[in-house]
Amino acid sequence: MNRRADKLLLEQMLAPPPLEQARTSLDFWLRRRSDLPFYRRRDRREADEMIRRWRTRLAAAERARFGTGLFGLVRRLLAFEQWSWPIWEPRTLVALAWRVVPRRAALVALAALGVVLVSLAAIGLGVILLVLQAA
């Protein structure tokens, strides 16, 4: 009898928090992190750690509520829930692409982008000079 009660208590303690509680806690720590000045390094580190923990807890709460895999993704889409995954942020997409794409291909793409930007600047400068000469 005691072991069963202990097992139930452990399951309750290890269960993910409710989804809304996880979201509000993550929002709190994100807001706290953005409000802290740069010289409060210890507090910023604490906020970073709590953000990491609450993102993990939020993901666990979403898995508990919606399920995993394709079925869970469809349920989440049909429920019109906001995404907790930061993958849709532009910085995260760039970091993901930088990890997935081979280094040489990424460096070639960056070099090509640099050439395009320099050539656009040169064309713009040429147009400005032509306008100034015509005037």
C-alpha atoms as a PDB file:
ATOM      1  CA  MET A   1       0.000   0.000   0.000  1.00  0.00           C
ATOM      2  CA  ASN A   2       2.750   2.432   0.937  1.00  0.00           C
ATOM      3  CA  ARG A   3       4.784   1.630  -2.163  1.00  0.00           C
ATOM      4  CA  ARG A   4       1.824   2.306  -4.397  1.00  0.00           C
ATOM      5  CA  ALA A   5       1.208   5.688  -2.778  1.00  0.00           C
ATOM      6  CA  ASP A   6       4.916   6.515  -3.096  1.00  0.00           C
ATOM      7  CA  LYS A   7       4.878   5.526  -6.750  1.00  0.00           C
ATOM      8  CA  LEU A   8       1.845   7.729  -7.425  1.00  0.00           C
ATOM      9  CA  LEU A   9       3.466  10.643  -5.611  1.00  0.00           C
ATOM     10  CA  LEU A  10       6.636  10.234  -7.647  1.00  0.00           C
ATOM     11  CA  GLU A  11       4.663  10.134 -10.890  1.00  0.00           C
ATOM     12  CA  GLN A  12       2.858  13.329  -9.934  1.00  0.00           C
ATOM     13  CA  MET A  13       6.092  15.066  -8.993  1.00  0.00           C
ATOM     14  CA  LEU A  14       7.870  14.045 -12.203  1.00  0.00           C
ATOM     15  CA  ALA A  15       4.922  14.829 -14.471  1.00  0.00           C
ATOM     16  CA  PRO A  16       5.277  17.907 -16.672  1.00  0.00           C
ATOM     17  CA  PRO A  17       3.558  21.068 -15.447  1.00  0.00           C
ATOM     18  CA  PRO A  18       0.297  22.262 -16.997  1.00  0.00           C
ATOM     19  CA  LEU A  19       0.802  23.851 -20.406  1.00  0.00           C
ATOM     20  CA  GLU A  20      -0.352  27.339 -19.429  1.00  0.00           C
ATOM     21  CA  GLN A  21       1.820  27.375 -16.315  1.00  0.00           C
ATOM     22  CA  ALA A  22       4.852  26.378 -18.387  1.00  0.00           C
ATOM     23  CA  ARG A  23       4.112  29.128 -20.923  1.00  0.00           C
ATOM     24  CA  THR A  24       3.672  31.851 -18.310  1.00  0.00           C
ATOM     25  CA  SER A  25       6.835  30.797 -16.481  1.00  0.00           C
ATOM     26  CA  LEU A  26       8.840  30.834 -19.703  1.00  0.00           C
ATOM     27  CA  ASP A  27       7.411  34.258 -20.575  1.00  0.00           C
ATOM     28  CA  PHE A  28       8.359  35.517 -17.115  1.00  0.00           C
ATOM     29  CA  TRP A  29      11.980  34.412 -17.474  1.00  0.00           C
ATOM     30  CA  LEU A  30      12.246  35.743 -21.026  1.00  0.00           C
ATOM     31  CA  ARG A  31      10.906  39.096 -19.888  1.00  0.00           C
ATOM     32  CA  ARG A  32      13.203  39.111 -16.850  1.00  0.00           C
ATOM     33  CA  ARG A  33      16.217  38.321 -19.041  1.00  0.00           C
ATOM     34  CA  SER A  34      15.430  41.175 -21.412  1.00  0.00           C
ATOM     35  CA  ASP A  35      14.905  43.639 -18.525  1.00  0.00           C
ATOM     36  CA  LEU A  36      18.223  42.900 -16.807  1.00  0.00           C
ATOM     37  CA  PRO A  37      21.096  45.312 -17.474  1.00  0.00           C
ATOM     38  CA  PHE A  38      24.265  43.892 -19.009  1.00  0.00           C
ATOM     39  CA  TYR A  39      26.349  44.294 -15.840  1.00  0.00           C
ATOM     40  CA  ARG A  40      24.155  41.925 -13.779  1.00  0.00           C
ATOM     41  CA  ARG A  41      25.882  38.890 -15.208  1.00  0.00           C
ATOM     42  CA  ARG A  42      24.976  36.437 -12.454  1.00  0.00           C
ATOM     43  CA  ASP A  43      21.279  37.256 -12.745  1.00  0.00           C
ATOM     44  CA  ARG A  44      21.458  37.008 -16.525  1.00  0.00           C
ATOM     45  CA  ARG A  45      23.108  33.576 -16.262  1.00  0.00           C
ATOM     46  CA  GLU A  46      20.384  32.481 -13.852  1.00  0.00           C
ATOM     47  CA  ALA A  47      17.712  33.738 -16.265  1.00  0.00           C
ATOM     48  CA  ASP A  48      19.395  31.928 -19.167  1.00  0.00           C
ATOM     49  CA  GLU A  49      19.436  28.687 -17.202  1.00  0.00           C
ATOM     50  CA  MET A  50      15.795  29.057 -16.174  1.00  0.00           C
ATOM     51  CA  ILE A  51      14.814  29.827 -19.785  1.00  0.00           C
ATOM     52  CA  ARG A  52      16.546  26.629 -20.874  1.00  0.00           C
ATOM     53  CA  ARG A  53      14.780  24.621 -18.147  1.00  0.00           C
ATOM     54  CA  TRP A  54      11.341  26.077 -18.823  1.00  0.00           C
ATOM     55  CA  ARG A  55      11.694  25.499 -22.577  1.00  0.00           C
ATOM     56  CA  THR A  56      12.374  21.854 -21.778  1.00  0.00           C
ATOM     57  CA  ARG A  57       9.393  21.720 -19.403  1.00  0.00           C
ATOM     58  CA  LEU A  58       7.172  23.459 -21.949  1.00  0.00           C
ATOM     59  CA  ALA A  59       8.156  20.941 -24.607  1.00  0.00           C
ATOM     60  CA  ALA A  60       7.343  18.106 -22.170  1.00  0.00           C
ATOM     61  CA  ALA A  61       3.971  19.689 -21.351  1.00  0.00           C
ATOM     62  CA  GLU A  62       3.187  20.019 -25.067  1.00  0.00           C
ATOM     63  CA  ARG A  63       4.115  16.377 -25.651  1.00  0.00           C
ATOM     64  CA  ALA A  64       1.901  15.358 -22.732  1.00  0.00           C
ATOM     65  CA  ARG A  65      -1.037  17.389 -24.048  1.00  0.00           C
ATOM     66  CA  PHE A  66      -0.781  16.830 -27.802  1.00  0.00           C
ATOM     67  CA  GLY A  67       1.283  13.687 -28.157  1.00  0.00           C
ATOM     68  CA  THR A  68       4.399  13.093 -30.206  1.00  0.00           C
ATOM     69  CA  GLY A  69       5.230  12.535 -33.836  1.00  0.00           C
ATOM     70  CA  LEU A  70       3.059  13.419 -36.776  1.00  0.00           C
ATOM     71  CA  PHE A  71      -0.166  12.860 -34.863  1.00  0.00           C
ATOM     72  CA  GLY A  72       0.911  15.314 -32.152  1.00  0.00           C
ATOM     73  CA  LEU A  73       1.924  17.870 -34.771  1.00  0.00           C
ATOM     74  CA  VAL A  74      -1.472  17.623 -36.471  1.00  0.00           C
ATOM     75  CA  ARG A  75      -3.277  17.952 -33.123  1.00  0.00           C
ATOM     76  CA  ARG A  76      -1.218  21.034 -32.268  1.00  0.00           C
ATOM     77  CA  LEU A  77      -1.948  22.593 -35.663  1.00  0.00           C
ATOM     78  CA  LEU A  78      -5.664  21.895 -35.334  1.00  0.00           C
ATOM     79  CA  ALA A  79      -5.717  23.411 -31.848  1.00  0.00           C
ATOM     80  CA  PHE A  80      -4.112  26.612 -33.184  1.00  0.00           C
ATOM     81  CA  GLU A  81      -1.618  26.590 -30.315  1.00  0.00           C
ATOM     82  CA  GLN A  82       1.389  28.860 -30.472  1.00  0.00           C
ATOM     83  CA  TRP A  83       4.748  27.200 -31.115  1.00  0.00           C
ATOM     84  CA  SER A  84       7.174  26.911 -28.264  1.00  0.00           C
ATOM     85  CA  TRP A  85       9.965  25.866 -30.577  1.00  0.00           C
ATOM     86  CA  PRO A  86      12.323  28.741 -31.286  1.00  0.00           C
ATOM     87  CA  ILE A  87      13.201  27.249 -34.683  1.00  0.00           C
ATOM     88  CA  TRP A  88      11.042  29.741 -36.565  1.00  0.00           C
ATOM     89  CA  GLU A  89      13.084  32.716 -35.344  1.00  0.00           C
ATOM     90  CA  PRO A  90      15.454  34.029 -38.036  1.00  0.00           C
ATOM     91  CA  ARG A  91      18.573  33.636 -35.853  1.00  0.00           C
ATOM     92  CA  THR A  92      17.731  30.013 -35.193  1.00  0.00           C
ATOM     93  CA  LEU A  93      17.118  29.272 -38.869  1.00  0.00           C
ATOM     94  CA  VAL A  94      20.506  30.719 -39.785  1.00  0.00           C
ATOM     95  CA  ALA A  95      22.213  28.706 -37.038  1.00  0.00           C
ATOM     96  CA  LEU A  96      20.425  25.549 -38.166  1.00  0.00           C
ATOM     97  CA  ALA A  97      21.391  26.125 -41.784  1.00  0.00           C
ATOM     98  CA  TRP A  98      24.985  26.813 -40.754  1.00  0.00           C
ATOM     99  CA  ARG A  99      25.117  23.443 -38.951  1.00  0.00           C
ATOM    100  CA  VAL A 100      23.380  21.427 -41.666  1.00  0.00           C
ATOM    101  CA  VAL A 101      25.075  22.813 -44.767  1.00  0.00           C
ATOM    102  CA  PRO A 102      28.671  21.629 -45.356  1.00  0.00           C
ATOM    103  CA  ARG A 103      31.310  24.237 -44.427  1.00  0.00           C
ATOM    104  CA  ARG A 104      32.689  24.648 -47.952  1.00  0.00           C
ATOM    105  CA  ALA A 105      29.241  25.188 -49.432  1.00  0.00           C
ATOM    106  CA  ALA A 106      28.423  27.721 -46.718  1.00  0.00           C
ATOM    107  CA  LEU A 107      31.683  29.594 -47.288  1.00  0.00           C
ATOM    108  CA  VAL A 108      31.102  29.628 -51.059  1.00  0.00           C
ATOM    109  CA  ALA A 109      27.576  30.956 -50.491  1.00  0.00           C
ATOM    110  CA  LEU A 110      28.906  33.661 -48.157  1.00  0.00           C
ATOM    111  CA  ALA A 111      31.590  34.626 -50.679  1.00  0.00           C
ATOM    112  CA  ALA A 112      28.965  34.819 -53.446  1.00  0.00           C
ATOM    113  CA  LEU A 113      26.767  36.969 -51.230  1.00  0.00           C
ATOM    114  CA  GLY A 114      29.725  39.237 -50.554  1.00  0.00           C
ATOM    115  CA  VAL A 115      30.426  39.568 -54.276  1.00  0.00           C
ATOM    116  CA  VAL A 116      26.776  40.415 -54.941  1.00  0.00           C
ATOM    117  CA  LEU A 117      26.737  43.057 -52.200  1.00  0.00           C
ATOM    118  CA  VAL A 118      29.983  44.655 -53.392  1.00  0.00           C
ATOM    119  CA  SER A 119      28.758  44.698 -56.988  1.00  0.00           C
ATOM    120  CA  LEU A 120      25.439  46.262 -55.924  1.00  0.00           C
ATOM    121  CA  ALA A 121      27.343  48.939 -54.015  1.00  0.00           C
ATOM    122  CA  ALA A 122      29.512  49.598 -57.081  1.00  0.00           C
ATOM    123  CA  ILE A 123      26.457  49.825 -59.346  1.00  0.00           C
ATOM    124  CA  GLY A 124      24.774  52.205 -56.898  1.00  0.00           C
ATOM    125  CA  LEU A 125      27.891  54.366 -56.756  1.00  0.00           C
ATOM    126  CA  GLY A 126      28.040  54.375 -60.554  1.00  0.00           C
ATOM    127  CA  VAL A 127      24.425  55.482 -60.811  1.00  0.00           C
ATOM    128  CA  ILE A 128      25.044  58.271 -58.306  1.00  0.00           C
ATOM    129  CA  LEU A 129      28.070  59.464 -60.290  1.00  0.00           C
ATOM    130  CA  LEU A 130      26.077  59.426 -63.539  1.00  0.00           C
ATOM    131  CA  VAL A 131      23.278  61.452 -61.945  1.00  0.00           C
ATOM    132  CA  LEU A 132      25.787  63.948 -60.568  1.00  0.00           C
ATOM    133  CA  GLN A 133      27.506  64.300 -63.960  1.00  0.00           C
ATOM    134  CA  ALA A 134      24.203  64.766 -65.766  1.00  0.00           C
ATOM    135  CA  ALA A 135      23.150  67.526 -63.383  1.00  0.00           C
END
